[in-house]
C-alpha atoms as a PDB file:
ATOM      1  CA  MET A   1       0.003  -0.003   0.001  1.00  0.00           C
ATOM      2  CA  ASN A   2       1.218   3.516  -0.548  1.00  0.00           C
ATOM      3  CA  THR A   3       2.291   5.773   2.263  1.00  0.00           C
ATOM      4  CA  THR A   4      -1.026   7.625   2.297  1.00  0.00           C
ATOM      5  CA  VAL A   5      -3.089   4.481   2.812  1.00  0.00           C
ATOM      6  CA  GLY A   6      -0.489   3.022   5.165  1.00  0.00           C
ATOM      7  CA  LEU A   7      -0.593   6.057   7.417  1.00  0.00           C
ATOM      8  CA  ALA A   8      -4.330   6.496   7.146  1.00  0.00           C
ATOM      9  CA  LEU A   9      -5.228   3.011   8.416  1.00  0.00           C
ATOM     10  CA  THR A  10      -4.391   1.596  11.814  1.00  0.00           C
ATOM     11  CA  THR A  11      -2.715  -1.778  12.142  1.00  0.00           C
ATOM     12  CA  ARG A  12      -6.067  -3.362  13.052  1.00  0.00           C
ATOM     13  CA  GLU A  13      -7.754  -1.728  10.046  1.00  0.00           C
ATOM     14  CA  ARG A  14      -5.012  -3.052   7.750  1.00  0.00           C
ATOM     15  CA  ASP A  15      -5.478  -6.526   9.268  1.00  0.00           C
ATOM     16  CA  ILE A  16      -9.204  -6.331   8.581  1.00  0.00           C
ATOM     17  CA  MET A  17      -8.666  -5.120   5.010  1.00  0.00           C
ATOM     18  CA  THR A  18      -6.287  -8.017   4.371  1.00  0.00           C
ATOM     19  CA  HIS A  19      -9.028 -10.444   5.407  1.00  0.00           C
ATOM     20  CA  ILE A  20     -11.688  -8.550   3.447  1.00  0.00           C
ATOM     21  CA  ALA A  21      -9.499  -8.758   0.348  1.00  0.00           C
ATOM     22  CA  THR A  22      -9.434 -12.563   0.619  1.00  0.00           C
ATOM     23  CA  GLY A  23     -13.222 -12.688   0.731  1.00  0.00           C
ATOM     24  CA  SER A  24     -13.716 -13.295   4.440  1.00  0.00           C
ATOM     25  CA  THR A  25     -17.049 -12.326   5.958  1.00  0.00           C
ATOM     26  CA  ASN A  26     -17.407 -10.025   8.954  1.00  0.00           C
ATOM     27  CA  ALA A  27     -18.208 -13.063  11.106  1.00  0.00           C
ATOM     28  CA  GLN A  28     -15.115 -14.913   9.934  1.00  0.00           C
ATOM     29  CA  ILE A  29     -12.871 -11.907  10.538  1.00  0.00           C
ATOM     30  CA  ALA A  30     -14.379 -11.360  13.978  1.00  0.00           C
ATOM     31  CA  TRP A  31     -13.689 -14.986  14.880  1.00  0.00           C
ATOM     32  CA  ILE A  32     -10.090 -14.858  13.573  1.00  0.00           C
ATOM     33  CA  LEU A  33      -9.286 -11.555  15.309  1.00  0.00           C
ATOM     34  CA  MET A  34     -11.271 -12.494  18.421  1.00  0.00           C
ATOM     35  CA  ILE A  35     -13.411  -9.343  18.384  1.00  0.00           C
ATOM     36  CA  SER A  36     -17.131  -8.786  17.866  1.00  0.00           C
ATOM     37  CA  GLU A  37     -18.831  -8.398  14.509  1.00  0.00           C
ATOM     38  CA  GLU A  38     -19.947  -4.969  15.704  1.00  0.00           C
ATOM     39  CA  ALA A  39     -16.282  -4.020  16.150  1.00  0.00           C
ATOM     40  CA  ILE A  40     -15.587  -5.186  12.588  1.00  0.00           C
ATOM     41  CA  LYS A  41     -18.475  -3.055  11.304  1.00  0.00           C
ATOM     42  CA  SER A  42     -17.163  -0.062  13.237  1.00  0.00           C
ATOM     43  CA  HIS A  43     -13.684  -0.529  11.786  1.00  0.00           C
ATOM     44  CA  LEU A  44     -15.162  -0.812   8.293  1.00  0.00           C
ATOM     45  CA  LYS A  45     -16.967   2.507   8.750  1.00  0.00           C
ATOM     46  CA  HIS A  46     -13.709   4.139   9.820  1.00  0.00           C
ATOM     47  CA  ILE A  47     -11.894   2.567   6.856  1.00  0.00           C
ATOM     48  CA  ALA A  48     -14.557   3.844   4.445  1.00  0.00           C
ATOM     49  CA  ASN A  49     -14.225   7.347   5.877  1.00  0.00           C
ATOM     50  CA  LYS A  50     -10.430   7.325   5.739  1.00  0.00           C
ATOM     51  CA  LEU A  51     -10.298   5.961   2.180  1.00  0.00           C
ATOM     52  CA  ASN A  52     -13.305   8.012   1.054  1.00  0.00           C
ATOM     53  CA  THR A  53     -15.125   4.944  -0.240  1.00  0.00           C
ATOM     54  CA  THR A  54     -18.764   3.935  -0.267  1.00  0.00           C
ATOM     55  CA  SER A  55     -18.407   0.184  -0.656  1.00  0.00           C
ATOM     56  CA  ARG A  56     -16.380  -2.750   0.583  1.00  0.00           C
ATOM     57  CA  THR A  57     -15.313  -3.502  -2.989  1.00  0.00           C
ATOM     58  CA  GLU A  58     -14.050   0.023  -3.552  1.00  0.00           C
ATOM     59  CA  ALA A  59     -12.061  -0.075  -0.290  1.00  0.00           C
ATOM     60  CA  VAL A  60     -10.486  -3.403  -1.306  1.00  0.00           C
ATOM     61  CA  ALA A  61      -9.575  -1.988  -4.724  1.00  0.00           C
ATOM     62  CA  ILE A  62      -7.827   0.984  -3.148  1.00  0.00           C
ATOM     63  CA  PHE A  63      -6.160  -1.101  -0.444  1.00  0.00           C
ATOM     64  CA  GLY A  64      -5.197  -3.931  -2.799  1.00  0.00           C
ATOM     65  CA  GLY A  65      -4.017  -1.663  -5.582  1.00  0.00           C
ATOM     66  CA  ASN A  66      -1.785   0.207  -3.209  1.00  0.00           C
ATOM     67  CA  ALA A  67      -0.463  -2.995  -1.644  1.00  0.00           C
ATOM     68  CA  THR A  68       0.390  -4.335  -5.112  1.00  0.00           C
ATOM     69  CA  ALA A  69       2.169  -1.101  -6.047  1.00  0.00           C
ATOM     70  CA  ILE A  70       4.390  -1.285  -2.952  1.00  0.00           C
ATOM     71  CA  ALA A  71       5.124  -4.998  -3.409  1.00  0.00           C
ATOM     72  CA  GLY A  72       6.320  -4.284  -6.942  1.00  0.00           C
ATOM     73  CA  SER A  73       8.677  -1.491  -5.814  1.00  0.00           C
END
């Protein structure tokens, strides 16, 4: 991910986005991270605000595209 996205998201938010990008559901992510589904939903709202997105797919595209760009550097 680029510096802007990296700095914008917390470590927990980046963890959640990594799971979202693999197709995990909120329930699955909550179970893996040992937090509530409500906490996942709250994090997703914060992520959407920080990335200025309106959908999960759009957030993944921004997060994934930036992660790919850094990996290729």
